Amino acid sequence: MKKDSVFNITREKHLDHMTRVVPFIVGAYAIQCFFITKMGPISFAVDGLIFMGICLVVMIGCFIGYDLTHMVTFHEDTFSIKIKWLGYEQSVSYEEITSVEISEPGVSFASVHVTTKDGKNYGFFFVDDADKVKAWIDEKRSPKMQAAA
C-alpha cells in the first residue's frame, strides 16, 4: 500500500482463494450428484440437483461480481473515502468516521467495518491487508476523533 494521494481497496487475495477453493466445492457437488441419483427417486433428484447447481453458480458469480465491481477509493487530497457499486455512489469524510473495525485481524483478507458520527455503517468485504487499511483510516481521522475512540 503506497502513501500516494489515492489508492483503492484490492481483493486479489480473495479471488486467488476462490480459484483454489471453487474446484473442491464443484467436485464435492459432483460427488453428491452421483450418490443422490443412485440412491433417490430420479425425478426428485434431478430437479433438486439442478436447483442446487444453479444456486452454486449464482453464489460463486455474486462473489466474483462483488470483488470486481465494488470500488472503494481512499483520497488524501479530498480527505474522503469514495464508494462505488452498481450505480451506488457515496463519499465519506475521514472526519465523520468514529470507529474502524476488522473482522479478523492478521489474516490475508478480512472485512472492514466503518461507523460514522451519524451512526451509518459501511462494510467493505474481502479486503486485502485489512490491517493496513484500518491503519490508513485511523491515521487520516481527526486527532479529536482518535482521542475519543
N, C-alpha and C. Protein backbone atom coordinates (compact mmCIF):
# COMPACT_ATOMS: atom_id res chain seq x y z
N MET A 1 0.85 -1.17 0.00
CA MET A 1 0.00 0.00 0.00
C MET A 1 0.90 1.23 0.00
N LYS A 2 0.77 2.06 -1.01
CA LYS A 2 1.59 3.24 -1.13
C LYS A 2 0.94 4.41 -0.41
N LYS A 3 1.74 5.39 -0.06
CA LYS A 3 1.21 6.58 0.58
C LYS A 3 1.00 7.66 -0.48
N ASP A 4 0.40 7.31 -1.61
CA ASP A 4 0.06 8.29 -2.63
C ASP A 4 -1.17 9.05 -2.18
N SER A 5 -1.64 9.96 -3.04
CA SER A 5 -2.82 10.73 -2.68
C SER A 5 -4.10 9.91 -2.88
N VAL A 6 -4.04 8.81 -3.66
CA VAL A 6 -5.21 7.98 -3.92
C VAL A 6 -4.78 6.51 -3.96
N PHE A 7 -5.58 5.64 -3.33
CA PHE A 7 -5.38 4.20 -3.53
C PHE A 7 -6.71 3.49 -3.37
N ASN A 8 -6.81 2.30 -3.94
CA ASN A 8 -8.05 1.51 -3.92
C ASN A 8 -7.87 0.29 -3.01
N ILE A 9 -9.00 -0.16 -2.47
CA ILE A 9 -9.02 -1.45 -1.80
C ILE A 9 -8.87 -2.51 -2.87
N THR A 10 -8.05 -3.51 -2.61
CA THR A 10 -7.90 -4.61 -3.56
C THR A 10 -8.49 -5.88 -2.95
N ARG A 11 -8.85 -6.82 -3.82
CA ARG A 11 -9.43 -8.09 -3.39
C ARG A 11 -8.79 -9.27 -4.11
N GLU A 12 -7.56 -9.12 -4.55
CA GLU A 12 -6.88 -10.21 -5.28
C GLU A 12 -6.72 -11.45 -4.42
N LYS A 13 -6.46 -11.30 -3.13
CA LYS A 13 -6.26 -12.47 -2.28
C LYS A 13 -7.54 -13.28 -2.15
N HIS A 14 -8.69 -12.61 -2.13
CA HIS A 14 -9.95 -13.34 -2.09
C HIS A 14 -10.19 -14.06 -3.41
N LEU A 15 -9.91 -13.40 -4.53
CA LEU A 15 -10.07 -14.05 -5.84
C LEU A 15 -9.12 -15.24 -5.97
N ASP A 16 -7.89 -15.11 -5.49
CA ASP A 16 -6.95 -16.23 -5.51
C ASP A 16 -7.48 -17.39 -4.66
N HIS A 17 -8.03 -17.05 -3.50
CA HIS A 17 -8.62 -18.06 -2.62
C HIS A 17 -9.79 -18.77 -3.33
N MET A 18 -10.60 -17.99 -4.02
CA MET A 18 -11.74 -18.58 -4.75
C MET A 18 -11.25 -19.56 -5.82
N THR A 19 -10.18 -19.21 -6.54
CA THR A 19 -9.69 -20.12 -7.59
C THR A 19 -9.13 -21.41 -7.00
N ARG A 20 -8.66 -21.37 -5.75
CA ARG A 20 -8.18 -22.59 -5.10
C ARG A 20 -9.32 -23.42 -4.52
N VAL A 21 -10.39 -22.77 -4.02
CA VAL A 21 -11.44 -23.46 -3.29
C VAL A 21 -12.59 -23.93 -4.19
N VAL A 22 -12.95 -23.15 -5.19
CA VAL A 22 -14.11 -23.48 -6.03
C VAL A 22 -14.01 -24.85 -6.69
N PRO A 23 -12.86 -25.27 -7.21
CA PRO A 23 -12.81 -26.62 -7.78
C PRO A 23 -13.18 -27.72 -6.78
N PHE A 24 -12.79 -27.56 -5.52
CA PHE A 24 -13.16 -28.55 -4.50
C PHE A 24 -14.66 -28.53 -4.21
N ILE A 25 -15.24 -27.34 -4.19
CA ILE A 25 -16.69 -27.21 -3.97
C ILE A 25 -17.45 -27.86 -5.12
N VAL A 26 -17.03 -27.61 -6.33
CA VAL A 26 -17.69 -28.20 -7.50
C VAL A 26 -17.49 -29.71 -7.51
N GLY A 27 -16.31 -30.17 -7.13
CA GLY A 27 -16.05 -31.61 -7.04
C GLY A 27 -16.95 -32.28 -6.00
N ALA A 28 -17.10 -31.65 -4.84
CA ALA A 28 -17.99 -32.18 -3.80
C ALA A 28 -19.43 -32.22 -4.30
N TYR A 29 -19.81 -31.19 -5.04
CA TYR A 29 -21.16 -31.16 -5.61
C TYR A 29 -21.35 -32.31 -6.60
N ALA A 30 -20.35 -32.57 -7.43
CA ALA A 30 -20.44 -33.65 -8.42
C ALA A 30 -20.55 -35.01 -7.72
N ILE A 31 -19.80 -35.20 -6.65
CA ILE A 31 -19.88 -36.47 -5.89
C ILE A 31 -21.27 -36.61 -5.28
N GLN A 32 -21.80 -35.54 -4.72
CA GLN A 32 -23.15 -35.57 -4.16
C GLN A 32 -24.17 -35.91 -5.24
N CYS A 33 -24.01 -35.31 -6.41
CA CYS A 33 -24.93 -35.59 -7.52
C CYS A 33 -24.92 -37.08 -7.86
N PHE A 34 -23.73 -37.66 -7.94
CA PHE A 34 -23.62 -39.08 -8.27
C PHE A 34 -24.37 -39.93 -7.25
N PHE A 35 -24.12 -39.71 -5.96
CA PHE A 35 -24.75 -40.53 -4.93
C PHE A 35 -26.26 -40.29 -4.83
N ILE A 36 -26.69 -39.07 -4.98
CA ILE A 36 -28.12 -38.78 -4.89
C ILE A 36 -28.88 -39.42 -6.05
N THR A 37 -28.31 -39.39 -7.24
CA THR A 37 -29.00 -40.02 -8.38
C THR A 37 -29.04 -41.54 -8.23
N LYS A 38 -28.05 -42.12 -7.54
CA LYS A 38 -28.05 -43.57 -7.34
C LYS A 38 -28.98 -43.99 -6.21
N MET A 39 -29.23 -43.13 -5.25
CA MET A 39 -29.99 -43.51 -4.06
C MET A 39 -31.45 -43.07 -4.07
N GLY A 40 -31.76 -41.95 -4.68
CA GLY A 40 -33.10 -41.39 -4.57
C GLY A 40 -33.91 -41.56 -5.83
N PRO A 41 -35.20 -41.17 -5.74
CA PRO A 41 -36.04 -41.17 -6.95
C PRO A 41 -35.45 -40.19 -7.97
N ILE A 42 -35.31 -40.64 -9.18
CA ILE A 42 -34.58 -39.89 -10.20
C ILE A 42 -35.22 -38.54 -10.51
N SER A 43 -36.53 -38.44 -10.57
CA SER A 43 -37.17 -37.15 -10.92
C SER A 43 -36.93 -36.12 -9.82
N PHE A 44 -37.04 -36.53 -8.57
CA PHE A 44 -36.78 -35.60 -7.46
C PHE A 44 -35.31 -35.20 -7.43
N ALA A 45 -34.44 -36.19 -7.64
CA ALA A 45 -33.00 -35.94 -7.59
C ALA A 45 -32.59 -34.95 -8.66
N VAL A 46 -33.07 -35.14 -9.88
CA VAL A 46 -32.67 -34.26 -10.98
C VAL A 46 -33.13 -32.84 -10.72
N ASP A 47 -34.38 -32.66 -10.31
CA ASP A 47 -34.90 -31.31 -10.05
C ASP A 47 -34.12 -30.64 -8.91
N GLY A 48 -33.89 -31.38 -7.85
CA GLY A 48 -33.16 -30.83 -6.70
C GLY A 48 -31.73 -30.50 -7.04
N LEU A 49 -31.08 -31.37 -7.81
CA LEU A 49 -29.68 -31.14 -8.16
C LEU A 49 -29.53 -29.96 -9.13
N ILE A 50 -30.48 -29.82 -10.03
CA ILE A 50 -30.44 -28.66 -10.93
C ILE A 50 -30.59 -27.37 -10.13
N PHE A 51 -31.53 -27.36 -9.18
CA PHE A 51 -31.73 -26.18 -8.34
C PHE A 51 -30.47 -25.87 -7.53
N MET A 52 -29.88 -26.90 -6.90
CA MET A 52 -28.66 -26.68 -6.11
C MET A 52 -27.50 -26.22 -6.99
N GLY A 53 -27.40 -26.75 -8.20
CA GLY A 53 -26.35 -26.34 -9.12
C GLY A 53 -26.49 -24.89 -9.53
N ILE A 54 -27.73 -24.47 -9.80
CA ILE A 54 -27.98 -23.07 -10.16
C ILE A 54 -27.61 -22.16 -8.99
N CYS A 55 -28.01 -22.56 -7.78
CA CYS A 55 -27.67 -21.76 -6.59
C CYS A 55 -26.16 -21.65 -6.40
N LEU A 56 -25.44 -22.73 -6.64
CA LEU A 56 -23.98 -22.73 -6.51
C LEU A 56 -23.35 -21.77 -7.52
N VAL A 57 -23.81 -21.82 -8.76
CA VAL A 57 -23.27 -20.94 -9.80
C VAL A 57 -23.57 -19.48 -9.48
N VAL A 58 -24.79 -19.19 -9.03
CA VAL A 58 -25.17 -17.82 -8.69
C VAL A 58 -24.32 -17.32 -7.52
N MET A 59 -24.12 -18.15 -6.51
CA MET A 59 -23.33 -17.74 -5.35
C MET A 59 -21.89 -17.40 -5.75
N ILE A 60 -21.27 -18.26 -6.52
CA ILE A 60 -19.90 -18.02 -6.95
C ILE A 60 -19.84 -16.78 -7.84
N GLY A 61 -20.81 -16.63 -8.75
CA GLY A 61 -20.87 -15.45 -9.61
C GLY A 61 -21.04 -14.16 -8.83
N CYS A 62 -21.86 -14.19 -7.78
CA CYS A 62 -22.05 -12.99 -6.94
C CYS A 62 -20.77 -12.62 -6.20
N PHE A 63 -20.05 -13.60 -5.67
CA PHE A 63 -18.77 -13.32 -5.01
C PHE A 63 -17.81 -12.65 -5.98
N ILE A 64 -17.66 -13.22 -7.15
CA ILE A 64 -16.73 -12.68 -8.14
C ILE A 64 -17.20 -11.31 -8.63
N GLY A 65 -18.50 -11.17 -8.88
CA GLY A 65 -19.05 -9.87 -9.29
C GLY A 65 -18.79 -8.79 -8.27
N TYR A 66 -18.99 -9.11 -7.00
CA TYR A 66 -18.73 -8.14 -5.93
C TYR A 66 -17.26 -7.76 -5.90
N ASP A 67 -16.39 -8.76 -5.96
CA ASP A 67 -14.95 -8.49 -5.91
C ASP A 67 -14.50 -7.57 -7.05
N LEU A 68 -15.08 -7.74 -8.22
CA LEU A 68 -14.64 -6.99 -9.39
C LEU A 68 -15.33 -5.65 -9.57
N THR A 69 -16.50 -5.44 -8.98
CA THR A 69 -17.25 -4.21 -9.24
C THR A 69 -17.35 -3.25 -8.06
N HIS A 70 -17.13 -3.70 -6.84
CA HIS A 70 -17.24 -2.83 -5.67
C HIS A 70 -15.92 -2.08 -5.50
N MET A 71 -15.94 -0.79 -5.80
CA MET A 71 -14.72 0.02 -5.75
C MET A 71 -14.75 0.95 -4.55
N VAL A 72 -13.71 0.87 -3.75
CA VAL A 72 -13.54 1.76 -2.60
C VAL A 72 -12.19 2.45 -2.78
N THR A 73 -12.24 3.79 -2.89
CA THR A 73 -11.05 4.57 -3.15
C THR A 73 -10.80 5.53 -2.00
N PHE A 74 -9.57 5.56 -1.51
CA PHE A 74 -9.18 6.46 -0.42
C PHE A 74 -8.44 7.65 -1.03
N HIS A 75 -8.94 8.84 -0.75
CA HIS A 75 -8.35 10.06 -1.30
C HIS A 75 -7.73 10.87 -0.18
N GLU A 76 -6.45 11.18 -0.34
CA GLU A 76 -5.78 12.01 0.65
C GLU A 76 -6.05 13.49 0.39
N ASP A 77 -6.11 13.86 -0.90
CA ASP A 77 -6.30 15.27 -1.23
C ASP A 77 -7.68 15.80 -0.86
N THR A 78 -8.74 15.00 -1.07
CA THR A 78 -10.10 15.43 -0.71
C THR A 78 -10.49 14.95 0.68
N PHE A 79 -9.60 14.22 1.34
CA PHE A 79 -9.80 13.76 2.71
C PHE A 79 -11.08 12.95 2.85
N SER A 80 -11.27 11.99 1.90
CA SER A 80 -12.52 11.22 1.92
C SER A 80 -12.33 9.83 1.33
N ILE A 81 -13.34 8.99 1.60
CA ILE A 81 -13.43 7.65 1.01
C ILE A 81 -14.57 7.68 0.02
N LYS A 82 -14.32 7.23 -1.21
CA LYS A 82 -15.36 7.15 -2.24
C LYS A 82 -15.74 5.68 -2.44
N ILE A 83 -17.05 5.40 -2.37
CA ILE A 83 -17.56 4.05 -2.50
C ILE A 83 -18.45 4.00 -3.74
N LYS A 84 -18.18 3.05 -4.65
CA LYS A 84 -18.98 2.87 -5.86
C LYS A 84 -19.30 1.40 -6.02
N TRP A 85 -20.60 1.12 -6.28
CA TRP A 85 -21.01 -0.26 -6.56
C TRP A 85 -22.39 -0.27 -7.20
N LEU A 86 -22.50 -0.82 -8.40
CA LEU A 86 -23.76 -0.98 -9.14
C LEU A 86 -24.61 0.28 -9.15
N GLY A 87 -24.03 1.41 -9.52
CA GLY A 87 -24.76 2.66 -9.60
C GLY A 87 -24.84 3.43 -8.29
N TYR A 88 -24.49 2.78 -7.18
CA TYR A 88 -24.48 3.44 -5.87
C TYR A 88 -23.16 4.18 -5.73
N GLU A 89 -23.23 5.41 -5.29
CA GLU A 89 -22.01 6.18 -5.09
C GLU A 89 -22.14 6.98 -3.81
N GLN A 90 -21.14 6.90 -2.96
CA GLN A 90 -21.17 7.56 -1.65
C GLN A 90 -19.77 8.07 -1.34
N SER A 91 -19.72 9.18 -0.64
CA SER A 91 -18.45 9.72 -0.19
C SER A 91 -18.53 9.92 1.32
N VAL A 92 -17.48 9.48 2.02
CA VAL A 92 -17.42 9.59 3.47
C VAL A 92 -16.13 10.32 3.84
N SER A 93 -16.26 11.40 4.58
CA SER A 93 -15.09 12.16 5.03
C SER A 93 -14.42 11.41 6.18
N TYR A 94 -13.10 11.47 6.22
CA TYR A 94 -12.38 10.82 7.31
C TYR A 94 -12.80 11.38 8.66
N GLU A 95 -13.14 12.68 8.69
CA GLU A 95 -13.53 13.33 9.95
C GLU A 95 -14.86 12.80 10.48
N GLU A 96 -15.71 12.25 9.60
CA GLU A 96 -17.00 11.71 10.03
C GLU A 96 -16.87 10.34 10.70
N ILE A 97 -15.74 9.68 10.51
CA ILE A 97 -15.57 8.30 10.98
C ILE A 97 -15.29 8.28 12.48
N THR A 98 -16.10 7.48 13.20
CA THR A 98 -15.89 7.34 14.65
C THR A 98 -15.16 6.05 15.01
N SER A 99 -15.36 5.00 14.21
CA SER A 99 -14.64 3.75 14.51
C SER A 99 -14.41 2.94 13.25
N VAL A 100 -13.35 2.15 13.31
CA VAL A 100 -12.99 1.23 12.23
C VAL A 100 -12.70 -0.11 12.87
N GLU A 101 -13.38 -1.15 12.41
CA GLU A 101 -13.18 -2.48 12.97
C GLU A 101 -12.86 -3.47 11.86
N ILE A 102 -12.07 -4.47 12.20
CA ILE A 102 -11.70 -5.53 11.27
C ILE A 102 -12.28 -6.82 11.79
N SER A 103 -12.86 -7.63 10.90
CA SER A 103 -13.48 -8.88 11.33
C SER A 103 -12.45 -9.87 11.88
N GLU A 104 -11.33 -10.01 11.22
CA GLU A 104 -10.29 -10.95 11.66
C GLU A 104 -8.92 -10.32 11.43
N PRO A 105 -8.38 -9.64 12.44
CA PRO A 105 -7.06 -9.02 12.27
C PRO A 105 -5.97 -10.06 11.99
N GLY A 106 -5.03 -9.68 11.12
CA GLY A 106 -3.88 -10.53 10.87
C GLY A 106 -4.04 -11.57 9.77
N VAL A 107 -5.22 -11.68 9.14
CA VAL A 107 -5.39 -12.66 8.08
C VAL A 107 -5.18 -11.98 6.72
N SER A 108 -5.07 -12.78 5.65
CA SER A 108 -4.75 -12.22 4.35
C SER A 108 -5.86 -11.34 3.77
N PHE A 109 -7.13 -11.69 4.04
CA PHE A 109 -8.22 -10.80 3.66
C PHE A 109 -9.30 -10.89 4.72
N ALA A 110 -9.96 -9.75 4.96
CA ALA A 110 -10.97 -9.68 6.02
C ALA A 110 -11.96 -8.56 5.69
N SER A 111 -12.98 -8.43 6.50
CA SER A 111 -13.96 -7.35 6.34
C SER A 111 -13.56 -6.16 7.19
N VAL A 112 -13.78 -4.97 6.64
CA VAL A 112 -13.53 -3.73 7.37
C VAL A 112 -14.88 -3.04 7.54
N HIS A 113 -15.21 -2.68 8.77
CA HIS A 113 -16.47 -2.01 9.06
C HIS A 113 -16.18 -0.62 9.61
N VAL A 114 -16.76 0.39 8.96
CA VAL A 114 -16.55 1.78 9.33
C VAL A 114 -17.87 2.34 9.84
N THR A 115 -17.83 3.02 10.98
CA THR A 115 -19.01 3.67 11.56
C THR A 115 -18.76 5.18 11.57
N THR A 116 -19.80 5.95 11.19
CA THR A 116 -19.68 7.41 11.15
C THR A 116 -20.42 8.05 12.32
N LYS A 117 -20.23 9.36 12.47
CA LYS A 117 -20.86 10.11 13.56
C LYS A 117 -22.37 9.97 13.57
N ASP A 118 -22.98 9.92 12.39
CA ASP A 118 -24.45 9.82 12.31
C ASP A 118 -24.96 8.39 12.45
N GLY A 119 -24.09 7.45 12.80
CA GLY A 119 -24.49 6.07 13.06
C GLY A 119 -24.54 5.16 11.84
N LYS A 120 -24.17 5.66 10.67
CA LYS A 120 -24.16 4.82 9.47
C LYS A 120 -22.97 3.86 9.52
N ASN A 121 -23.22 2.66 9.05
CA ASN A 121 -22.17 1.64 8.99
C ASN A 121 -21.88 1.31 7.53
N TYR A 122 -20.61 1.21 7.20
CA TYR A 122 -20.17 0.83 5.87
C TYR A 122 -19.31 -0.41 6.01
N GLY A 123 -19.64 -1.44 5.26
CA GLY A 123 -18.87 -2.68 5.30
C GLY A 123 -18.15 -2.90 3.99
N PHE A 124 -16.87 -3.16 4.08
CA PHE A 124 -16.05 -3.49 2.92
C PHE A 124 -15.58 -4.93 3.13
N PHE A 125 -16.01 -5.83 2.25
CA PHE A 125 -15.77 -7.26 2.45
C PHE A 125 -14.64 -7.76 1.57
N PHE A 126 -13.94 -8.81 2.05
CA PHE A 126 -12.85 -9.47 1.33
C PHE A 126 -11.71 -8.50 1.01
N VAL A 127 -11.35 -7.64 1.93
CA VAL A 127 -10.33 -6.61 1.73
C VAL A 127 -8.94 -7.19 1.97
N ASP A 128 -8.06 -7.03 0.98
CA ASP A 128 -6.66 -7.43 1.15
C ASP A 128 -6.01 -6.51 2.18
N ASP A 129 -5.18 -7.08 3.04
CA ASP A 129 -4.42 -6.32 4.03
C ASP A 129 -5.31 -5.35 4.81
N ALA A 130 -6.35 -5.89 5.40
CA ALA A 130 -7.32 -5.06 6.14
C ALA A 130 -6.66 -4.29 7.27
N ASP A 131 -5.63 -4.86 7.89
CA ASP A 131 -4.92 -4.16 8.96
C ASP A 131 -4.31 -2.84 8.46
N LYS A 132 -3.75 -2.88 7.26
CA LYS A 132 -3.15 -1.68 6.68
C LYS A 132 -4.21 -0.65 6.32
N VAL A 133 -5.36 -1.12 5.84
CA VAL A 133 -6.47 -0.21 5.51
C VAL A 133 -6.96 0.48 6.78
N LYS A 134 -7.11 -0.29 7.85
CA LYS A 134 -7.54 0.28 9.13
C LYS A 134 -6.52 1.31 9.62
N ALA A 135 -5.23 0.99 9.53
CA ALA A 135 -4.18 1.92 9.96
C ALA A 135 -4.23 3.22 9.15
N TRP A 136 -4.47 3.10 7.83
CA TRP A 136 -4.56 4.28 6.95
C TRP A 136 -5.71 5.17 7.40
N ILE A 137 -6.88 4.57 7.62
CA ILE A 137 -8.06 5.35 8.02
C ILE A 137 -7.82 5.99 9.39
N ASP A 138 -7.29 5.22 10.32
CA ASP A 138 -7.02 5.76 11.65
C ASP A 138 -6.05 6.94 11.59
N GLU A 139 -5.06 6.84 10.71
CA GLU A 139 -4.08 7.91 10.55
C GLU A 139 -4.73 9.18 10.01
N LYS A 140 -5.73 9.01 9.12
CA LYS A 140 -6.35 10.16 8.47
C LYS A 140 -7.48 10.79 9.29
N ARG A 141 -8.00 10.05 10.26
CA ARG A 141 -9.08 10.61 11.10
C ARG A 141 -8.55 11.79 11.88
N SER A 142 -9.46 12.67 12.27
CA SER A 142 -9.04 13.86 13.02
C SER A 142 -8.49 13.44 14.38
N PRO A 143 -7.52 14.18 14.92
CA PRO A 143 -6.96 13.84 16.24
C PRO A 143 -8.02 13.81 17.35
N LYS A 144 -9.04 14.66 17.27
CA LYS A 144 -10.11 14.64 18.28
C LYS A 144 -10.84 13.31 18.27
N MET A 145 -11.14 12.80 17.07
CA MET A 145 -11.89 11.54 16.95
C MET A 145 -11.03 10.39 17.44
N GLN A 146 -9.73 10.42 17.17
CA GLN A 146 -8.86 9.35 17.63
C GLN A 146 -8.77 9.32 19.14
N ALA A 147 -8.75 10.51 19.77
CA ALA A 147 -8.67 10.58 21.22
C ALA A 147 -9.97 10.07 21.87
N ALA A 148 -11.11 10.31 21.19
CA ALA A 148 -12.41 9.88 21.73
C ALA A 148 -12.61 8.39 21.59
N ALA A 149 -11.99 7.77 20.59
CA ALA A 149 -12.22 6.34 20.33
C ALA A 149 -11.50 5.45 21.28
